[in-house]
C-alpha cells in the first residue's frame, strides 16, 4: 500500500507514554526506503498534525501496481 501511495499517516497503537511509548523511528526508516525520507517524515509529523488541527491534508498521487 505504501509503494502505491495509499497510506498517508504512520501511527502507533501506544496508549501510554511510559508503558508503551509511541516509537515510530523504525517505521520511518522502513518507509524511507520505500517512499523517501522526506515523505516518511511528513507521515509522522506534519500530516498527523494537520489532521489534529482539522486541516485538509495533501494526498499523495497513487501509483498503480503492475501485475
PDB file of N, CA and C in Angstrom:
ATOM      1  N   UNK A   1       0.820  -1.195   0.000  1.00  0.00           N
ATOM      2  CA  UNK A   1       0.000   0.000   0.000  1.00  0.00           C
ATOM      3  C   UNK A   1       0.864   1.259   0.000  1.00  0.00           C
ATOM      4  N   UNK A   2       1.970   1.199   0.723  1.00  0.00           N
ATOM      5  CA  UNK A   2       2.848   2.366   0.768  1.00  0.00           C
ATOM      6  C   UNK A   2       3.496   2.614  -0.592  1.00  0.00           C
ATOM      7  N   UNK A   3       3.907   1.541  -1.258  1.00  0.00           N
ATOM      8  CA  UNK A   3       4.500   1.681  -2.582  1.00  0.00           C
ATOM      9  C   UNK A   3       3.531   2.331  -3.561  1.00  0.00           C
ATOM     10  N   UNK A   4       2.247   2.104  -3.368  1.00  0.00           N
ATOM     11  CA  UNK A   4       1.230   2.667  -4.250  1.00  0.00           C
ATOM     12  C   UNK A   4       0.729   4.024  -3.759  1.00  0.00           C
ATOM     13  N   UNK A   5       1.333   4.528  -2.694  1.00  0.00           N
ATOM     14  CA  UNK A   5       0.984   5.831  -2.104  1.00  0.00           C
ATOM     15  C   UNK A   5      -0.464   5.871  -1.610  1.00  0.00           C
ATOM     16  N   UNK A   6      -0.919   4.767  -1.019  1.00  0.00           N
ATOM     17  CA  UNK A   6      -2.268   4.682  -0.482  1.00  0.00           C
ATOM     18  C   UNK A   6      -2.302   4.903   1.027  1.00  0.00           C
ATOM     19  N   UNK A   7      -1.145   5.200   1.617  1.00  0.00           N
ATOM     20  CA  UNK A   7      -1.027   5.434   3.057  1.00  0.00           C
ATOM     21  C   UNK A   7      -0.556   6.869   3.255  1.00  0.00           C
ATOM     22  N   UNK A   8      -1.211   7.608   4.153  1.00  0.00           N
ATOM     23  CA  UNK A   8      -0.815   8.988   4.404  1.00  0.00           C
ATOM     24  C   UNK A   8      -0.195   9.209   5.778  1.00  0.00           C
ATOM     25  N   UNK A   9      -0.467   8.317   6.730  1.00  0.00           N
ATOM     26  CA  UNK A   9      -0.009   8.520   8.103  1.00  0.00           C
ATOM     27  C   UNK A   9       0.599   7.233   8.647  1.00  0.00           C
ATOM     28  N   UNK A  10       1.710   7.373   9.368  1.00  0.00           N
ATOM     29  CA  UNK A  10       2.289   6.277  10.135  1.00  0.00           C
ATOM     30  C   UNK A  10       1.950   6.575  11.587  1.00  0.00           C
ATOM     31  N   UNK A  11       1.336   5.608  12.261  1.00  0.00           N
ATOM     32  CA  UNK A  11       0.904   5.825  13.638  1.00  0.00           C
ATOM     33  C   UNK A  11       1.250   4.618  14.499  1.00  0.00           C
ATOM     34  N   UNK A  12       0.992   4.740  15.761  1.00  0.00           N
ATOM     35  CA  UNK A  12       1.251   3.684  16.729  1.00  0.00           C
ATOM     36  C   UNK A  12      -0.022   3.407  17.509  1.00  0.00           C
ATOM     37  N   UNK A  13      -0.121   2.218  18.053  1.00  0.00           N
ATOM     38  CA  UNK A  13      -1.263   1.914  18.918  1.00  0.00           C
ATOM     39  C   UNK A  13      -0.910   2.151  20.386  1.00  0.00           C
ATOM     40  N   UNK A  14       0.163   2.877  20.633  1.00  0.00           N
ATOM     41  CA  UNK A  14       0.584   3.163  22.007  1.00  0.00           C
ATOM     42  C   UNK A  14      -0.491   3.972  22.727  1.00  0.00           C
ATOM     43  N   UNK A  15      -0.730   3.597  23.974  1.00  0.00           N
ATOM     44  CA  UNK A  15      -1.755   4.277  24.757  1.00  0.00           C
ATOM     45  C   UNK A  15      -1.176   4.992  25.975  1.00  0.00           C
ATOM     46  N   UNK A  16       0.092   4.770  26.226  1.00  0.00           N
ATOM     47  CA  UNK A  16       0.707   5.316  27.423  1.00  0.00           C
ATOM     48  C   UNK A  16       2.170   5.608  27.123  1.00  0.00           C
ATOM     49  N   UNK A  17       2.624   6.802  27.414  1.00  0.00           N
ATOM     50  CA  UNK A  17       3.996   7.183  27.064  1.00  0.00           C
ATOM     51  C   UNK A  17       5.057   6.477  27.907  1.00  0.00           C
ATOM     52  N   UNK A  18       4.693   5.921  29.052  1.00  0.00           N
ATOM     53  CA  UNK A  18       5.701   5.235  29.864  1.00  0.00           C
ATOM     54  C   UNK A  18       5.670   3.720  29.686  1.00  0.00           C
ATOM     55  N   UNK A  19       4.495   3.127  29.581  1.00  0.00           N
ATOM     56  CA  UNK A  19       4.387   1.672  29.452  1.00  0.00           C
ATOM     57  C   UNK A  19       4.544   1.199  27.998  1.00  0.00           C
ATOM     58  N   UNK A  20       3.951   1.905  27.055  1.00  0.00           N
ATOM     59  CA  UNK A  20       4.019   1.546  25.635  1.00  0.00           C
ATOM     60  C   UNK A  20       4.246   2.824  24.821  1.00  0.00           C
ATOM     61  N   UNK A  21       5.464   3.337  24.837  1.00  0.00           N
ATOM     62  CA  UNK A  21       5.714   4.617  24.156  1.00  0.00           C
ATOM     63  C   UNK A  21       5.585   4.496  22.635  1.00  0.00           C
ATOM     64  N   UNK A  22       5.114   5.561  22.007  1.00  0.00           N
ATOM     65  CA  UNK A  22       4.940   5.555  20.555  1.00  0.00           C
ATOM     66  C   UNK A  22       6.260   5.800  19.825  1.00  0.00           C
ATOM     67  N   UNK A  23       7.051   4.764  19.662  1.00  0.00           N
ATOM     68  CA  UNK A  23       8.340   4.884  18.976  1.00  0.00           C
ATOM     69  C   UNK A  23       8.133   4.534  17.505  1.00  0.00           C
ATOM     70  N   UNK A  24       8.272   5.530  16.645  1.00  0.00           N
ATOM     71  CA  UNK A  24       7.999   5.346  15.226  1.00  0.00           C
ATOM     72  C   UNK A  24       9.252   5.350  14.364  1.00  0.00           C
ATOM     73  N   UNK A  25      10.423   5.444  14.981  1.00  0.00           N
ATOM     74  CA  UNK A  25      11.659   5.580  14.206  1.00  0.00           C
ATOM     75  C   UNK A  25      11.913   4.390  13.285  1.00  0.00           C
ATOM     76  N   UNK A  26      11.616   3.187  13.731  1.00  0.00           N
ATOM     77  CA  UNK A  26      11.826   2.015  12.866  1.00  0.00           C
ATOM     78  C   UNK A  26      10.872   2.059  11.666  1.00  0.00           C
ATOM     79  N   UNK A  27       9.626   2.437  11.903  1.00  0.00           N
ATOM     80  CA  UNK A  27       8.651   2.539  10.814  1.00  0.00           C
ATOM     81  C   UNK A  27       9.060   3.612   9.813  1.00  0.00           C
ATOM     82  N   UNK A  28       9.569   4.730  10.309  1.00  0.00           N
ATOM     83  CA  UNK A  28      10.020   5.804   9.422  1.00  0.00           C
ATOM     84  C   UNK A  28      11.202   5.336   8.585  1.00  0.00           C
ATOM     85  N   UNK A  29      12.105   4.577   9.179  1.00  0.00           N
ATOM     86  CA  UNK A  29      13.263   4.062   8.444  1.00  0.00           C
ATOM     87  C   UNK A  29      12.814   3.134   7.308  1.00  0.00           C
ATOM     88  N   UNK A  30      11.888   2.240   7.606  1.00  0.00           N
ATOM     89  CA  UNK A  30      11.383   1.323   6.586  1.00  0.00           C
ATOM     90  C   UNK A  30      10.640   2.105   5.504  1.00  0.00           C
ATOM     91  N   UNK A  31       9.793   3.032   5.916  1.00  0.00           N
ATOM     92  CA  UNK A  31       9.045   3.840   4.951  1.00  0.00           C
ATOM     93  C   UNK A  31       9.982   4.673   4.086  1.00  0.00           C
ATOM     94  N   UNK A  32      11.050   5.179   4.670  1.00  0.00           N
ATOM     95  CA  UNK A  32      12.019   5.981   3.911  1.00  0.00           C
ATOM     96  C   UNK A  32      12.621   5.196   2.759  1.00  0.00           C
ATOM     97  N   UNK A  33      12.860   3.919   2.996  1.00  0.00           N
ATOM     98  CA  UNK A  33      13.416   3.074   1.940  1.00  0.00           C
ATOM     99  C   UNK A  33      12.412   2.861   0.805  1.00  0.00           C
ATOM    100  N   UNK A  34      11.139   2.987   1.105  1.00  0.00           N
ATOM    101  CA  UNK A  34      10.094   2.762   0.111  1.00  0.00           C
ATOM    102  C   UNK A  34       9.709   4.047  -0.606  1.00  0.00           C
ATOM    103  N   UNK A  35       9.503   5.121   0.147  1.00  0.00           N
ATOM    104  CA  UNK A  35       8.961   6.352  -0.445  1.00  0.00           C
ATOM    105  C   UNK A  35       9.868   7.567  -0.311  1.00  0.00           C
ATOM    106  N   UNK A  36      11.003   7.407   0.343  1.00  0.00           N
ATOM    107  CA  UNK A  36      11.914   8.529   0.542  1.00  0.00           C
ATOM    108  C   UNK A  36      11.747   9.130   1.924  1.00  0.00           C
ATOM    109  N   UNK A  37      12.827   9.671   2.435  1.00  0.00           N
ATOM    110  CA  UNK A  37      12.830  10.163   3.821  1.00  0.00           C
ATOM    111  C   UNK A  37      11.929  11.368   4.043  1.00  0.00           C
ATOM    112  N   UNK A  38      11.839  12.263   3.076  1.00  0.00           N
ATOM    113  CA  UNK A  38      11.000  13.452   3.243  1.00  0.00           C
ATOM    114  C   UNK A  38       9.533  13.080   3.414  1.00  0.00           C
ATOM    115  N   UNK A  39       9.014  12.221   2.548  1.00  0.00           N
ATOM    116  CA  UNK A  39       7.611  11.798   2.663  1.00  0.00           C
ATOM    117  C   UNK A  39       7.390  11.003   3.946  1.00  0.00           C
ATOM    118  N   UNK A  40       8.327  10.135   4.294  1.00  0.00           N
ATOM    119  CA  UNK A  40       8.186   9.330   5.511  1.00  0.00           C
ATOM    120  C   UNK A  40       8.134  10.218   6.747  1.00  0.00           C
ATOM    121  N   UNK A  41       8.979  11.221   6.818  1.00  0.00           N
ATOM    122  CA  UNK A  41       8.976  12.145   7.962  1.00  0.00           C
ATOM    123  C   UNK A  41       7.661  12.913   8.045  1.00  0.00           C
ATOM    124  N   UNK A  42       7.133  13.330   6.904  1.00  0.00           N
ATOM    125  CA  UNK A  42       5.850  14.043   6.886  1.00  0.00           C
ATOM    126  C   UNK A  42       4.725  13.166   7.430  1.00  0.00           C
ATOM    127  N   UNK A  43       4.849  11.846   7.234  1.00  0.00           N
ATOM    128  CA  UNK A  43       3.804  10.915   7.666  1.00  0.00           C
ATOM    129  C   UNK A  43       3.734  10.765   9.184  1.00  0.00           C
ATOM    130  N   UNK A  44       4.744  11.240   9.900  1.00  0.00           N
ATOM    131  CA  UNK A  44       4.729  11.184  11.366  1.00  0.00           C
ATOM    132  C   UNK A  44       4.778  12.574  11.999  1.00  0.00           C
ATOM    133  N   UNK A  45       4.823  13.615  11.173  1.00  0.00           N
ATOM    134  CA  UNK A  45       4.915  14.972  11.731  1.00  0.00           C
ATOM    135  C   UNK A  45       3.791  15.868  11.206  1.00  0.00           C
ATOM    136  N   UNK A  46       4.004  16.471  10.055  1.00  0.00           N
ATOM    137  CA  UNK A  46       3.070  17.495   9.580  1.00  0.00           C
ATOM    138  C   UNK A  46       1.710  16.953   9.159  1.00  0.00           C
ATOM    139  N   UNK A  47       1.650  15.752   8.609  1.00  0.00           N
ATOM    140  CA  UNK A  47       0.349  15.221   8.189  1.00  0.00           C
ATOM    141  C   UNK A  47      -0.532  14.887   9.398  1.00  0.00           C
ATOM    142  N   UNK A  48      -0.023  14.147  10.393  1.00  0.00           N
ATOM    143  CA  UNK A  48      -0.866  13.926  11.576  1.00  0.00           C
ATOM    144  C   UNK A  48      -1.254  15.230  12.283  1.00  0.00           C
ATOM    145  N   UNK A  49      -0.347  16.202  12.310  1.00  0.00           N
ATOM    146  CA  UNK A  49      -0.671  17.490  12.946  1.00  0.00           C
ATOM    147  C   UNK A  49      -1.789  18.191  12.191  1.00  0.00           C
ATOM    148  N   UNK A  50      -1.775  18.108  10.876  1.00  0.00           N
ATOM    149  CA  UNK A  50      -2.844  18.713  10.073  1.00  0.00           C
ATOM    150  C   UNK A  50      -4.192  18.063  10.404  1.00  0.00           C
ATOM    151  N   UNK A  51      -4.206  16.758  10.590  1.00  0.00           N
ATOM    152  CA  UNK A  51      -5.445  16.059  10.956  1.00  0.00           C
ATOM    153  C   UNK A  51      -5.930  16.550  12.321  1.00  0.00           C
ATOM    154  N   UNK A  52      -5.023  16.646  13.289  1.00  0.00           N
ATOM    155  CA  UNK A  52      -5.385  17.140  14.624  1.00  0.00           C
ATOM    156  C   UNK A  52      -5.943  18.548  14.542  1.00  0.00           C
ATOM    157  N   UNK A  53      -5.336  19.372  13.687  1.00  0.00           N
ATOM    158  CA  UNK A  53      -5.758  20.765  13.545  1.00  0.00           C
ATOM    159  C   UNK A  53      -7.002  20.930  12.675  1.00  0.00           C
ATOM    160  N   UNK A  54      -7.505  19.826  12.125  1.00  0.00           N
ATOM    161  CA  UNK A  54      -8.691  19.892  11.270  1.00  0.00           C
ATOM    162  C   UNK A  54      -8.423  20.482   9.903  1.00  0.00           C
ATOM    163  N   UNK A  55      -7.163  20.445   9.480  1.00  0.00           N
ATOM    164  CA  UNK A  55      -6.791  20.995   8.179  1.00  0.00           C
ATOM    165  C   UNK A  55      -6.853  19.907   7.114  1.00  0.00           C
ATOM    166  N   UNK A  56      -7.015  20.327   5.911  1.00  0.00           N
ATOM    167  CA  UNK A  56      -7.021  19.403   4.779  1.00  0.00           C
ATOM    168  C   UNK A  56      -5.593  18.897   4.551  1.00  0.00           C
ATOM    169  N   UNK A  57      -5.459  17.601   4.318  1.00  0.00           N
ATOM    170  CA  UNK A  57      -4.130  17.070   4.037  1.00  0.00           C
ATOM    171  C   UNK A  57      -3.987  16.820   2.547  1.00  0.00           C
ATOM    172  N   UNK A  58      -2.782  17.018   2.090  1.00  0.00           N
ATOM    173  CA  UNK A  58      -2.473  16.779   0.682  1.00  0.00           C
ATOM    174  C   UNK A  58      -2.300  15.280   0.487  1.00  0.00           C
ATOM    175  N   UNK A  59      -3.082  14.709  -0.407  1.00  0.00           N
ATOM    176  CA  UNK A  59      -2.957  13.288  -0.696  1.00  0.00           C
ATOM    177  C   UNK A  59      -1.799  13.042  -1.637  1.00  0.00           C
ATOM    178  N   UNK A  60      -1.126  11.920  -1.445  1.00  0.00           N
ATOM    179  CA  UNK A  60      -0.103  11.507  -2.378  1.00  0.00           C
ATOM    180  C   UNK A  60      -0.801  11.037  -3.649  1.00  0.00           C
ATOM    181  N   UNK A  61      -0.169  11.188  -4.768  1.00  0.00           N
ATOM    182  CA  UNK A  61      -0.729  10.677  -6.018  1.00  0.00           C
ATOM    183  C   UNK A  61      -0.528   9.169  -6.055  1.00  0.00           C
ATOM    184  N   UNK A  62      -1.636   8.380  -6.146  1.00  0.00           N
ATOM    185  CA  UNK A  62      -1.493   6.937  -6.180  1.00  0.00           C
ATOM    186  C   UNK A  62      -0.651   6.458  -7.362  1.00  0.00           C
ATOM    187  N   UNK A  63       0.075   5.382  -7.134  1.00  0.00           N
ATOM    188  CA  UNK A  63       0.884   4.766  -8.166  1.00  0.00           C
ATOM    189  C   UNK A  63       0.292   3.392  -8.421  1.00  0.00           C
ATOM    190  N   UNK A  64      -0.131   3.144  -9.642  1.00  0.00           N
ATOM    191  CA  UNK A  64      -0.718   1.848  -9.966  1.00  0.00           C
ATOM    192  C   UNK A  64       0.338   0.766  -9.991  1.00  0.00           C
ATOM    193  N   UNK A  65      -0.026  -0.381  -9.450  1.00  0.00           N
ATOM    194  CA  UNK A  65       0.873  -1.519  -9.407  1.00  0.00           C
ATOM    195  C   UNK A  65       0.706  -2.307 -10.702  1.00  0.00           C
ATOM    196  N   UNK A  66       1.829  -2.681 -11.285  1.00  0.00           N
ATOM    197  CA  UNK A  66       1.784  -3.508 -12.486  1.00  0.00           C
ATOM    198  C   UNK A  66       1.696  -4.957 -12.079  1.00  0.00           C
ATOM    199  N   UNK A  67       0.885  -5.729 -12.793  1.00  0.00           N
ATOM    200  CA  UNK A  67       0.738  -7.160 -12.478  1.00  0.00           C
ATOM    201  C   UNK A  67       1.771  -7.984 -13.189  1.00  0.00           C
TER     202      UNK A  67
END
